[in-house]
Amino acid sequence: MILNGITVGIILILIGLYGMIAKKHVFKIIFGLIIISTGLVLFFVSVGYVDTGAAPIVSGDTTYVDPLPHTLMLTTIVVEVCTTTLALVLALKIYEKYKTLDISTLEDL
C-alpha cells in the first residue's frame, strides 16, 4: 500500500468521522472535527500537487502547478481555527453551567 497525501488524507477523514460519531465526550467530538479538517487540507493539497510542475510565474512550455487549491486550503485553515475556538468556548460554557461534558448526561438534563 502506497501512503501518499491523498491516501493519508482519506484515512484521517475516516478517523475523524469515527471520532465524531462514536465518542460521547464533547472534547473528543471537537478533536474529531479537527482531524477531519486536517485530512481535508492534506487531501486537497495533495490533489493540487503536480510532480513535474513549475510555479505559474514564468511563461513557457512547462507544466504549471495550479495555486488555487493551496490558496483555498489556507482559507480553510483559518476557518478551522475559528470554528475550533468557537467549539471550545461553547464546551467551556456548557461545563460551567452543567459541570459535565458527557453527551449522554447532557441529553438527560
PDB file of N, CA and C in Angstrom:
ATOM      1  N   MET A   1       0.845  -1.182   0.000  1.00  0.00           N
ATOM      2  CA  MET A   1       0.000   0.000   0.000  1.00  0.00           C
ATOM      3  C   MET A   1       0.890   1.246   0.000  1.00  0.00           C
ATOM      4  N   ILE A   2       0.636   2.143  -0.909  1.00  0.00           N
ATOM      5  CA  ILE A   2       1.405   3.372  -1.007  1.00  0.00           C
ATOM      6  C   ILE A   2       0.699   4.452  -0.197  1.00  0.00           C
ATOM      7  N   LEU A   3       1.428   5.042   0.751  1.00  0.00           N
ATOM      8  CA  LEU A   3       0.851   6.091   1.581  1.00  0.00           C
ATOM      9  C   LEU A   3       1.257   7.454   1.027  1.00  0.00           C
ATOM     10  N   ASN A   4       0.479   7.963   0.110  1.00  0.00           N
ATOM     11  CA  ASN A   4       0.704   9.312  -0.375  1.00  0.00           C
ATOM     12  C   ASN A   4      -0.252  10.252   0.362  1.00  0.00           C
ATOM     13  N   GLY A   5      -0.215  11.530   0.008  1.00  0.00           N
ATOM     14  CA  GLY A   5      -1.041  12.500   0.710  1.00  0.00           C
ATOM     15  C   GLY A   5      -2.529  12.267   0.559  1.00  0.00           C
ATOM     16  N   ILE A   6      -2.939  11.766  -0.605  1.00  0.00           N
ATOM     17  CA  ILE A   6      -4.358  11.514  -0.833  1.00  0.00           C
ATOM     18  C   ILE A   6      -4.853  10.386   0.070  1.00  0.00           C
ATOM     19  N   THR A   7      -4.096   9.305   0.143  1.00  0.00           N
ATOM     20  CA  THR A   7      -4.483   8.169   0.974  1.00  0.00           C
ATOM     21  C   THR A   7      -4.495   8.537   2.450  1.00  0.00           C
ATOM     22  N   VAL A   8      -3.470   9.221   2.901  1.00  0.00           N
ATOM     23  CA  VAL A   8      -3.398   9.623   4.313  1.00  0.00           C
ATOM     24  C   VAL A   8      -4.523  10.608   4.638  1.00  0.00           C
ATOM     25  N   GLY A   9      -4.842  11.503   3.706  1.00  0.00           N
ATOM     26  CA  GLY A   9      -5.951  12.432   3.917  1.00  0.00           C
ATOM     27  C   GLY A   9      -7.269  11.718   4.089  1.00  0.00           C
ATOM     28  N   ILE A  10      -7.526  10.710   3.253  1.00  0.00           N
ATOM     29  CA  ILE A  10      -8.776   9.942   3.367  1.00  0.00           C
ATOM     30  C   ILE A  10      -8.807   9.172   4.680  1.00  0.00           C
ATOM     31  N   ILE A  11      -7.668   8.602   5.085  1.00  0.00           N
ATOM     32  CA  ILE A  11      -7.609   7.873   6.356  1.00  0.00           C
ATOM     33  C   ILE A  11      -7.888   8.813   7.523  1.00  0.00           C
ATOM     34  N   LEU A  12      -7.323  10.021   7.488  1.00  0.00           N
ATOM     35  CA  LEU A  12      -7.577  10.991   8.553  1.00  0.00           C
ATOM     36  C   LEU A  12      -9.043  11.416   8.593  1.00  0.00           C
ATOM     37  N   ILE A  13      -9.649  11.591   7.435  1.00  0.00           N
ATOM     38  CA  ILE A  13     -11.072  11.946   7.400  1.00  0.00           C
ATOM     39  C   ILE A  13     -11.910  10.844   8.029  1.00  0.00           C
ATOM     40  N   LEU A  14     -11.602   9.596   7.720  1.00  0.00           N
ATOM     41  CA  LEU A  14     -12.364   8.478   8.287  1.00  0.00           C
ATOM     42  C   LEU A  14     -12.145   8.346   9.795  1.00  0.00           C
ATOM     43  N   ILE A  15     -10.918   8.575  10.262  1.00  0.00           N
ATOM     44  CA  ILE A  15     -10.648   8.522  11.705  1.00  0.00           C
ATOM     45  C   ILE A  15     -11.416   9.629  12.422  1.00  0.00           C
ATOM     46  N   GLY A  16     -11.399  10.833  11.863  1.00  0.00           N
ATOM     47  CA  GLY A  16     -12.138  11.937  12.472  1.00  0.00           C
ATOM     48  C   GLY A  16     -13.635  11.709  12.457  1.00  0.00           C
ATOM     49  N   LEU A  17     -14.152  11.125  11.383  1.00  0.00           N
ATOM     50  CA  LEU A  17     -15.578  10.814  11.311  1.00  0.00           C
ATOM     51  C   LEU A  17     -15.961   9.794  12.375  1.00  0.00           C
ATOM     52  N   TYR A  18     -15.117   8.782  12.559  1.00  0.00           N
ATOM     53  CA  TYR A  18     -15.367   7.806  13.629  1.00  0.00           C
ATOM     54  C   TYR A  18     -15.369   8.498  14.988  1.00  0.00           C
ATOM     55  N   GLY A  19     -14.420   9.400  15.206  1.00  0.00           N
ATOM     56  CA  GLY A  19     -14.352  10.101  16.486  1.00  0.00           C
ATOM     57  C   GLY A  19     -15.577  10.957  16.742  1.00  0.00           C
ATOM     58  N   MET A  20     -16.124  11.550  15.701  1.00  0.00           N
ATOM     59  CA  MET A  20     -17.310  12.387  15.892  1.00  0.00           C
ATOM     60  C   MET A  20     -18.576  11.562  16.104  1.00  0.00           C
ATOM     61  N   ILE A  21     -18.637  10.390  15.487  1.00  0.00           N
ATOM     62  CA  ILE A  21     -19.855   9.580  15.596  1.00  0.00           C
ATOM     63  C   ILE A  21     -19.846   8.714  16.846  1.00  0.00           C
ATOM     64  N   ALA A  22     -18.728   8.095  17.171  1.00  0.00           N
ATOM     65  CA  ALA A  22     -18.698   7.070  18.210  1.00  0.00           C
ATOM     66  C   ALA A  22     -18.464   7.619  19.617  1.00  0.00           C
ATOM     67  N   LYS A  23     -17.854   8.761  19.746  1.00  0.00           N
ATOM     68  CA  LYS A  23     -17.489   9.255  21.075  1.00  0.00           C
ATOM     69  C   LYS A  23     -18.622  10.078  21.676  1.00  0.00           C
ATOM     70  N   LYS A  24     -18.693  10.075  23.000  1.00  0.00           N
ATOM     71  CA  LYS A  24     -19.764  10.768  23.721  1.00  0.00           C
ATOM     72  C   LYS A  24     -19.254  11.928  24.566  1.00  0.00           C
ATOM     73  N   HIS A  25     -17.993  12.299  24.413  1.00  0.00           N
ATOM     74  CA  HIS A  25     -17.420  13.411  25.155  1.00  0.00           C
ATOM     75  C   HIS A  25     -17.250  14.585  24.194  1.00  0.00           C
ATOM     76  N   VAL A  26     -17.587  15.787  24.654  1.00  0.00           N
ATOM     77  CA  VAL A  26     -17.587  16.949  23.765  1.00  0.00           C
ATOM     78  C   VAL A  26     -16.190  17.229  23.212  1.00  0.00           C
ATOM     79  N   PHE A  27     -15.154  17.126  24.045  1.00  0.00           N
ATOM     80  CA  PHE A  27     -13.793  17.380  23.558  1.00  0.00           C
ATOM     81  C   PHE A  27     -13.372  16.372  22.496  1.00  0.00           C
ATOM     82  N   LYS A  28     -13.748  15.118  22.652  1.00  0.00           N
ATOM     83  CA  LYS A  28     -13.390  14.112  21.656  1.00  0.00           C
ATOM     84  C   LYS A  28     -14.110  14.371  20.330  1.00  0.00           C
ATOM     85  N   ILE A  29     -15.320  14.892  20.405  1.00  0.00           N
ATOM     86  CA  ILE A  29     -16.051  15.250  19.186  1.00  0.00           C
ATOM     87  C   ILE A  29     -15.365  16.430  18.488  1.00  0.00           C
ATOM     88  N   ILE A  30     -14.922  17.413  19.283  1.00  0.00           N
ATOM     89  CA  ILE A  30     -14.216  18.560  18.717  1.00  0.00           C
ATOM     90  C   ILE A  30     -12.897  18.119  18.088  1.00  0.00           C
ATOM     91  N   PHE A  31     -12.174  17.226  18.752  1.00  0.00           N
ATOM     92  CA  PHE A  31     -10.919  16.727  18.185  1.00  0.00           C
ATOM     93  C   PHE A  31     -11.165  15.933  16.909  1.00  0.00           C
ATOM     94  N   GLY A  32     -12.288  15.219  16.836  1.00  0.00           N
ATOM     95  CA  GLY A  32     -12.654  14.532  15.597  1.00  0.00           C
ATOM     96  C   GLY A  32     -12.875  15.520  14.462  1.00  0.00           C
ATOM     97  N   LEU A  33     -13.502  16.659  14.773  1.00  0.00           N
ATOM     98  CA  LEU A  33     -13.692  17.707  13.774  1.00  0.00           C
ATOM     99  C   LEU A  33     -12.355  18.267  13.300  1.00  0.00           C
ATOM    100  N   ILE A  34     -11.408  18.439  14.210  1.00  0.00           N
ATOM    101  CA  ILE A  34     -10.076  18.935  13.846  1.00  0.00           C
ATOM    102  C   ILE A  34      -9.361  17.930  12.936  1.00  0.00           C
ATOM    103  N   ILE A  35      -9.477  16.651  13.250  1.00  0.00           N
ATOM    104  CA  ILE A  35      -8.824  15.615  12.438  1.00  0.00           C
ATOM    105  C   ILE A  35      -9.438  15.563  11.038  1.00  0.00           C
ATOM    106  N   ILE A  36     -10.765  15.707  10.944  1.00  0.00           N
ATOM    107  CA  ILE A  36     -11.416  15.736   9.633  1.00  0.00           C
ATOM    108  C   ILE A  36     -10.907  16.921   8.809  1.00  0.00           C
ATOM    109  N   SER A  37     -10.827  18.069   9.438  1.00  0.00           N
ATOM    110  CA  SER A  37     -10.374  19.260   8.721  1.00  0.00           C
ATOM    111  C   SER A  37      -8.925  19.123   8.268  1.00  0.00           C
ATOM    112  N   THR A  38      -8.079  18.545   9.105  1.00  0.00           N
ATOM    113  CA  THR A  38      -6.684  18.318   8.721  1.00  0.00           C
ATOM    114  C   THR A  38      -6.594  17.337   7.557  1.00  0.00           C
ATOM    115  N   GLY A  39      -7.411  16.294   7.572  1.00  0.00           N
ATOM    116  CA  GLY A  39      -7.440  15.339   6.471  1.00  0.00           C
ATOM    117  C   GLY A  39      -7.899  15.976   5.170  1.00  0.00           C
ATOM    118  N   LEU A  40      -8.893  16.858   5.260  1.00  0.00           N
ATOM    119  CA  LEU A  40      -9.362  17.546   4.054  1.00  0.00           C
ATOM    120  C   LEU A  40      -8.280  18.444   3.460  1.00  0.00           C
ATOM    121  N   VAL A  41      -7.573  19.171   4.320  1.00  0.00           N
ATOM    122  CA  VAL A  41      -6.499  20.042   3.826  1.00  0.00           C
ATOM    123  C   VAL A  41      -5.413  19.205   3.156  1.00  0.00           C
ATOM    124  N   LEU A  42      -5.005  18.124   3.810  1.00  0.00           N
ATOM    125  CA  LEU A  42      -3.969  17.266   3.231  1.00  0.00           C
ATOM    126  C   LEU A  42      -4.427  16.655   1.910  1.00  0.00           C
ATOM    127  N   PHE A  43      -5.679  16.230   1.845  1.00  0.00           N
ATOM    128  CA  PHE A  43      -6.215  15.638   0.621  1.00  0.00           C
ATOM    129  C   PHE A  43      -6.191  16.633  -0.538  1.00  0.00           C
ATOM    130  N   PHE A  44      -6.722  17.824  -0.325  1.00  0.00           N
ATOM    131  CA  PHE A  44      -6.819  18.784  -1.419  1.00  0.00           C
ATOM    132  C   PHE A  44      -5.466  19.354  -1.824  1.00  0.00           C
ATOM    133  N   VAL A  45      -4.555  19.529  -0.874  1.00  0.00           N
ATOM    134  CA  VAL A  45      -3.210  19.972  -1.247  1.00  0.00           C
ATOM    135  C   VAL A  45      -2.518  18.894  -2.067  1.00  0.00           C
ATOM    136  N   SER A  46      -2.729  17.631  -1.713  1.00  0.00           N
ATOM    137  CA  SER A  46      -2.118  16.534  -2.472  1.00  0.00           C
ATOM    138  C   SER A  46      -2.730  16.399  -3.863  1.00  0.00           C
ATOM    139  N   VAL A  47      -4.017  16.652  -3.988  1.00  0.00           N
ATOM    140  CA  VAL A  47      -4.660  16.591  -5.299  1.00  0.00           C
ATOM    141  C   VAL A  47      -4.131  17.713  -6.194  1.00  0.00           C
ATOM    142  N   GLY A  48      -3.860  18.877  -5.621  1.00  0.00           N
ATOM    143  CA  GLY A  48      -3.385  20.007  -6.403  1.00  0.00           C
ATOM    144  C   GLY A  48      -1.913  19.954  -6.755  1.00  0.00           C
ATOM    145  N   TYR A  49      -1.190  18.981  -6.222  1.00  0.00           N
ATOM    146  CA  TYR A  49       0.247  18.879  -6.476  1.00  0.00           C
ATOM    147  C   TYR A  49       0.502  18.243  -7.838  1.00  0.00           C
ATOM    148  N   VAL A  50       1.417  18.823  -8.589  1.00  0.00           N
ATOM    149  CA  VAL A  50       1.848  18.276  -9.877  1.00  0.00           C
ATOM    150  C   VAL A  50       3.325  17.932  -9.741  1.00  0.00           C
ATOM    151  N   ASP A  51       3.682  16.692 -10.027  1.00  0.00           N
ATOM    152  CA  ASP A  51       5.038  16.196  -9.758  1.00  0.00           C
ATOM    153  C   ASP A  51       6.109  16.955 -10.522  1.00  0.00           C
ATOM    154  N   THR A  52       5.875  17.221 -11.783  1.00  0.00           N
ATOM    155  CA  THR A  52       6.886  17.916 -12.586  1.00  0.00           C
ATOM    156  C   THR A  52       6.505  19.367 -12.846  1.00  0.00           C
ATOM    157  N   GLY A  53       5.593  19.902 -12.060  1.00  0.00           N
ATOM    158  CA  GLY A  53       5.096  21.245 -12.292  1.00  0.00           C
ATOM    159  C   GLY A  53       6.022  22.332 -11.790  1.00  0.00           C
ATOM    160  N   ALA A  54       5.885  23.484 -12.402  1.00  0.00           N
ATOM    161  CA  ALA A  54       6.670  24.653 -12.009  1.00  0.00           C
ATOM    162  C   ALA A  54       5.726  25.715 -11.464  1.00  0.00           C
ATOM    163  N   ALA A  55       6.287  26.706 -10.797  1.00  0.00           N
ATOM    164  CA  ALA A  55       5.485  27.818 -10.300  1.00  0.00           C
ATOM    165  C   ALA A  55       4.891  28.577 -11.482  1.00  0.00           C
ATOM    166  N   PRO A  56       3.652  29.038 -11.387  1.00  0.00           N
ATOM    167  CA  PRO A  56       2.989  29.677 -12.532  1.00  0.00           C
ATOM    168  C   PRO A  56       3.416  31.138 -12.716  1.00  0.00           C
ATOM    169  N   ILE A  57       4.695  31.403 -12.644  1.00  0.00           N
ATOM    170  CA  ILE A  57       5.202  32.770 -12.794  1.00  0.00           C
ATOM    171  C   ILE A  57       5.845  32.962 -14.165  1.00  0.00           C
ATOM    172  N   VAL A  58       6.646  32.013 -14.613  1.00  0.00           N
ATOM    173  CA  VAL A  58       7.398  32.122 -15.853  1.00  0.00           C
ATOM    174  C   VAL A  58       6.577  31.518 -16.982  1.00  0.00           C
ATOM    175  N   SER A  59       6.556  32.189 -18.117  1.00  0.00           N
ATOM    176  CA  SER A  59       5.830  31.641 -19.261  1.00  0.00           C
ATOM    177  C   SER A  59       6.738  30.683 -20.033  1.00  0.00           C
ATOM    178  N   GLY A  60       6.127  29.731 -20.690  1.00  0.00           N
ATOM    179  CA  GLY A  60       6.893  28.750 -21.451  1.00  0.00           C
ATOM    180  C   GLY A  60       6.061  27.509 -21.697  1.00  0.00           C
ATOM    181  N   ASP A  61       6.737  26.430 -22.079  1.00  0.00           N
ATOM    182  CA  ASP A  61       6.048  25.182 -22.402  1.00  0.00           C
ATOM    183  C   ASP A  61       6.063  24.183 -21.257  1.00  0.00           C
ATOM    184  N   THR A  62       6.234  24.619 -20.027  1.00  0.00           N
ATOM    185  CA  THR A  62       6.291  23.689 -18.895  1.00  0.00           C
ATOM    186  C   THR A  62       4.900  23.488 -18.307  1.00  0.00           C
ATOM    187  N   THR A  63       4.775  22.451 -17.507  1.00  0.00           N
ATOM    188  CA  THR A  63       3.530  22.181 -16.789  1.00  0.00           C
ATOM    189  C   THR A  63       3.533  23.016 -15.512  1.00  0.00           C
ATOM    190  N   TYR A  64       2.421  23.682 -15.252  1.00  0.00           N
ATOM    191  CA  TYR A  64       2.322  24.557 -14.093  1.00  0.00           C
ATOM    192  C   TYR A  64       1.526  23.908 -12.976  1.00  0.00           C
ATOM    193  N   VAL A  65       1.839  24.310 -11.766  1.00  0.00           N
ATOM    194  CA  VAL A  65       1.075  23.896 -10.595  1.00  0.00           C
ATOM    195  C   VAL A  65      -0.028  24.923 -10.394  1.00  0.00           C
ATOM    196  N   ASP A  66      -1.249  24.457 -10.227  1.00  0.00           N
ATOM    197  CA  ASP A  66      -2.375  25.356 -10.001  1.00  0.00           C
ATOM    198  C   ASP A  66      -2.334  25.843  -8.551  1.00  0.00           C
ATOM    199  N   PRO A  67      -2.221  27.145  -8.305  1.00  0.00           N
ATOM    200  CA  PRO A  67      -2.127  27.637  -6.929  1.00  0.00           C
ATOM    201  C   PRO A  67      -3.477  27.737  -6.218  1.00  0.00           C
ATOM    202  N   LEU A  68      -4.581  27.554  -6.926  1.00  0.00           N
ATOM    203  CA  LEU A  68      -5.902  27.725  -6.325  1.00  0.00           C
ATOM    204  C   LEU A  68      -6.188  26.744  -5.185  1.00  0.00           C
ATOM    205  N   PRO A  69      -5.918  25.426  -5.312  1.00  0.00           N
ATOM    206  CA  PRO A  69      -6.186  24.538  -4.174  1.00  0.00           C
ATOM    207  C   PRO A  69      -5.396  24.913  -2.923  1.00  0.00           C
ATOM    208  N   HIS A  70      -4.163  25.334  -3.104  1.00  0.00           N
ATOM    209  CA  HIS A  70      -3.348  25.706  -1.947  1.00  0.00           C
ATOM    210  C   HIS A  70      -3.878  26.980  -1.293  1.00  0.00           C
ATOM    211  N   THR A  71      -4.329  27.918  -2.105  1.00  0.00           N
ATOM    212  CA  THR A  71      -4.902  29.158  -1.579  1.00  0.00           C
ATOM    213  C   THR A  71      -6.191  28.884  -0.818  1.00  0.00           C
ATOM    214  N   LEU A  72      -7.031  28.036  -1.377  1.00  0.00           N
ATOM    215  CA  LEU A  72      -8.281  27.688  -0.690  1.00  0.00           C
ATOM    216  C   LEU A  72      -8.023  26.948   0.618  1.00  0.00           C
ATOM    217  N   MET A  73      -6.975  26.145   0.660  1.00  0.00           N
ATOM    218  CA  MET A  73      -6.672  25.414   1.887  1.00  0.00           C
ATOM    219  C   MET A  73      -6.132  26.340   2.976  1.00  0.00           C
ATOM    220  N   LEU A  74      -5.438  27.411   2.594  1.00  0.00           N
ATOM    221  CA  LEU A  74      -5.038  28.410   3.593  1.00  0.00           C
ATOM    222  C   LEU A  74      -6.270  29.061   4.220  1.00  0.00           C
ATOM    223  N   THR A  75      -7.263  29.356   3.392  1.00  0.00           N
ATOM    224  CA  THR A  75      -8.519  29.904   3.914  1.00  0.00           C
ATOM    225  C   THR A  75      -9.219  28.890   4.804  1.00  0.00           C
ATOM    226  N   THR A  76      -9.178  27.624   4.421  1.00  0.00           N
ATOM    227  CA  THR A  76      -9.798  26.566   5.225  1.00  0.00           C
ATOM    228  C   THR A  76      -9.133  26.448   6.589  1.00  0.00           C
ATOM    229  N   ILE A  77      -7.822  26.603   6.645  1.00  0.00           N
ATOM    230  CA  ILE A  77      -7.112  26.529   7.921  1.00  0.00           C
ATOM    231  C   ILE A  77      -7.558  27.663   8.837  1.00  0.00           C
ATOM    232  N   VAL A  78      -7.730  28.861   8.299  1.00  0.00           N
ATOM    233  CA  VAL A  78      -8.190  29.984   9.108  1.00  0.00           C
ATOM    234  C   VAL A  78      -9.600  29.739   9.630  1.00  0.00           C
ATOM    235  N   VAL A  79     -10.485  29.243   8.775  1.00  0.00           N
ATOM    236  CA  VAL A  79     -11.849  28.934   9.201  1.00  0.00           C
ATOM    237  C   VAL A  79     -11.839  27.812  10.241  1.00  0.00           C
ATOM    238  N   GLU A  80     -10.952  26.834  10.071  1.00  0.00           N
ATOM    239  CA  GLU A  80     -10.843  25.733  11.041  1.00  0.00           C
ATOM    240  C   GLU A  80     -10.444  26.251  12.419  1.00  0.00           C
ATOM    241  N   VAL A  81      -9.506  27.173  12.477  1.00  0.00           N
ATOM    242  CA  VAL A  81      -9.081  27.736  13.760  1.00  0.00           C
ATOM    243  C   VAL A  81     -10.236  28.479  14.425  1.00  0.00           C
ATOM    244  N   CYS A  82     -10.986  29.247  13.643  1.00  0.00           N
ATOM    245  CA  CYS A  82     -12.132  29.974  14.197  1.00  0.00           C
ATOM    246  C   CYS A  82     -13.220  29.018  14.691  1.00  0.00           C
ATOM    247  N   THR A  83     -13.503  27.988  13.920  1.00  0.00           N
ATOM    248  CA  THR A  83     -14.520  27.009  14.314  1.00  0.00           C
ATOM    249  C   THR A  83     -14.104  26.247  15.569  1.00  0.00           C
ATOM    250  N   THR A  84     -12.842  25.873  15.643  1.00  0.00           N
ATOM    251  CA  THR A  84     -12.341  25.156  16.812  1.00  0.00           C
ATOM    252  C   THR A  84     -12.413  26.036  18.055  1.00  0.00           C
ATOM    253  N   THR A  85     -12.038  27.301  17.911  1.00  0.00           N
ATOM    254  CA  THR A  85     -12.103  28.217  19.039  1.00  0.00           C
ATOM    255  C   THR A  85     -13.533  28.382  19.528  1.00  0.00           C
ATOM    256  N   LEU A  86     -14.466  28.557  18.609  1.00  0.00           N
ATOM    257  CA  LEU A  86     -15.871  28.693  18.985  1.00  0.00           C
ATOM    258  C   LEU A  86     -16.383  27.427  19.670  1.00  0.00           C
ATOM    259  N   ALA A  87     -16.031  26.263  19.148  1.00  0.00           N
ATOM    260  CA  ALA A  87     -16.481  24.995  19.747  1.00  0.00           C
ATOM    261  C   ALA A  87     -15.907  24.819  21.151  1.00  0.00           C
ATOM    262  N   LEU A  88     -14.640  25.176  21.339  1.00  0.00           N
ATOM    263  CA  LEU A  88     -14.038  25.041  22.667  1.00  0.00           C
ATOM    264  C   LEU A  88     -14.650  26.019  23.674  1.00  0.00           C
ATOM    265  N   VAL A  89     -14.969  27.233  23.227  1.00  0.00           N
ATOM    266  CA  VAL A  89     -15.623  28.196  24.116  1.00  0.00           C
ATOM    267  C   VAL A  89     -17.016  27.712  24.486  1.00  0.00           C
ATOM    268  N   LEU A  90     -17.748  27.162  23.524  1.00  0.00           N
ATOM    269  CA  LEU A  90     -19.074  26.614  23.830  1.00  0.00           C
ATOM    270  C   LEU A  90     -18.975  25.431  24.792  1.00  0.00           C
ATOM    271  N   ALA A  91     -17.955  24.585  24.616  1.00  0.00           N
ATOM    272  CA  ALA A  91     -17.757  23.470  25.543  1.00  0.00           C
ATOM    273  C   ALA A  91     -17.443  23.978  26.949  1.00  0.00           C
ATOM    274  N   LEU A  92     -16.667  25.043  27.039  1.00  0.00           N
ATOM    275  CA  LEU A  92     -16.356  25.629  28.340  1.00  0.00           C
ATOM    276  C   LEU A  92     -17.615  26.172  29.008  1.00  0.00           C
ATOM    277  N   LYS A  93     -18.466  26.845  28.250  1.00  0.00           N
ATOM    278  CA  LYS A  93     -19.721  27.367  28.806  1.00  0.00           C
ATOM    279  C   LYS A  93     -20.665  26.238  29.221  1.00  0.00           C
ATOM    280  N   ILE A  94     -20.703  25.175  28.442  1.00  0.00           N
ATOM    281  CA  ILE A  94     -21.523  24.008  28.821  1.00  0.00           C
ATOM    282  C   ILE A  94     -21.019  23.425  30.132  1.00  0.00           C
ATOM    283  N   TYR A  95     -19.698  23.324  30.269  1.00  0.00           N
ATOM    284  CA  TYR A  95     -19.143  22.767  31.509  1.00  0.00           C
ATOM    285  C   TYR A  95     -19.417  23.691  32.699  1.00  0.00           C
ATOM    286  N   GLU A  96     -19.323  24.995  32.494  1.00  0.00           N
ATOM    287  CA  GLU A  96     -19.600  25.926  33.594  1.00  0.00           C
ATOM    288  C   GLU A  96     -21.047  25.816  34.061  1.00  0.00           C
ATOM    289  N   LYS A  97     -21.971  25.581  33.147  1.00  0.00           N
ATOM    290  CA  LYS A  97     -23.381  25.528  33.518  1.00  0.00           C
ATOM    291  C   LYS A  97     -23.800  24.158  34.050  1.00  0.00           C
ATOM    292  N   TYR A  98     -23.356  23.076  33.399  1.00  0.00           N
ATOM    293  CA  TYR A  98     -23.855  21.745  33.747  1.00  0.00           C
ATOM    294  C   TYR A  98     -22.829  20.861  34.467  1.00  0.00           C
ATOM    295  N   LYS A  99     -21.576  21.290  34.578  1.00  0.00           N
ATOM    296  CA  LYS A  99     -20.498  20.557  35.258  1.00  0.00           C
ATOM    297  C   LYS A  99     -20.227  19.180  34.657  1.00  0.00           C
ATOM    298  N   THR A 100     -20.511  19.014  33.386  1.00  0.00           N
ATOM    299  CA  THR A 100     -20.195  17.777  32.679  1.00  0.00           C
ATOM    300  C   THR A 100     -20.059  18.068  31.184  1.00  0.00           C
ATOM    301  N   LEU A 101     -19.301  17.226  30.509  1.00  0.00           N
ATOM    302  CA  LEU A 101     -19.169  17.325  29.058  1.00  0.00           C
ATOM    303  C   LEU A 101     -19.570  16.025  28.374  1.00  0.00           C
ATOM    304  N   ASP A 102     -20.213  15.130  29.100  1.00  0.00           N
ATOM    305  CA  ASP A 102     -20.676  13.866  28.545  1.00  0.00           C
ATOM    306  C   ASP A 102     -22.019  14.083  27.858  1.00  0.00           C
ATOM    307  N   ILE A 103     -22.117  13.685  26.603  1.00  0.00           N
ATOM    308  CA  ILE A 103     -23.328  13.896  25.814  1.00  0.00           C
ATOM    309  C   ILE A 103     -24.515  13.139  26.413  1.00  0.00           C
ATOM    310  N   SER A 104     -24.284  11.932  26.912  1.00  0.00           N
ATOM    311  CA  SER A 104     -25.365  11.131  27.474  1.00  0.00           C
ATOM    312  C   SER A 104     -25.983  11.831  28.685  1.00  0.00           C
ATOM    313  N   THR A 105     -25.141  12.418  29.513  1.00  0.00           N
ATOM    314  CA  THR A 105     -25.640  13.118  30.691  1.00  0.00           C
ATOM    315  C   THR A 105     -26.338  14.416  30.287  1.00  0.00           C
ATOM    316  N   LEU A 106     -25.814  15.095  29.304  1.00  0.00           N
ATOM    317  CA  LEU A 106     -26.425  16.351  28.863  1.00  0.00           C
ATOM    318  C   LEU A 106     -27.780  16.127  28.211  1.00  0.00           C
ATOM    319  N   GLU A 107     -27.977  14.970  27.556  1.00  0.00           N
ATOM    320  CA  GLU A 107     -29.281  14.671  26.958  1.00  0.00           C
ATOM    321  C   GLU A 107     -30.360  14.492  28.003  1.00  0.00           C
ATOM    322  N   ASP A 108     -29.977  14.000  29.199  1.00  0.00           N
ATOM    323  CA  ASP A 108     -30.948  13.762  30.261  1.00  0.00           C
ATOM    324  C   ASP A 108     -31.353  15.043  30.975  1.00  0.00           C
ATOM    325  N   LEU A 109     -30.551  16.101  30.853  1.00  0.00           N
ATOM    326  CA  LEU A 109     -30.859  17.346  31.568  1.00  0.00           C
ATOM    327  C   LEU A 109     -31.965  18.133  30.928  1.00  0.00           C
TER     328      LEU A 109
END
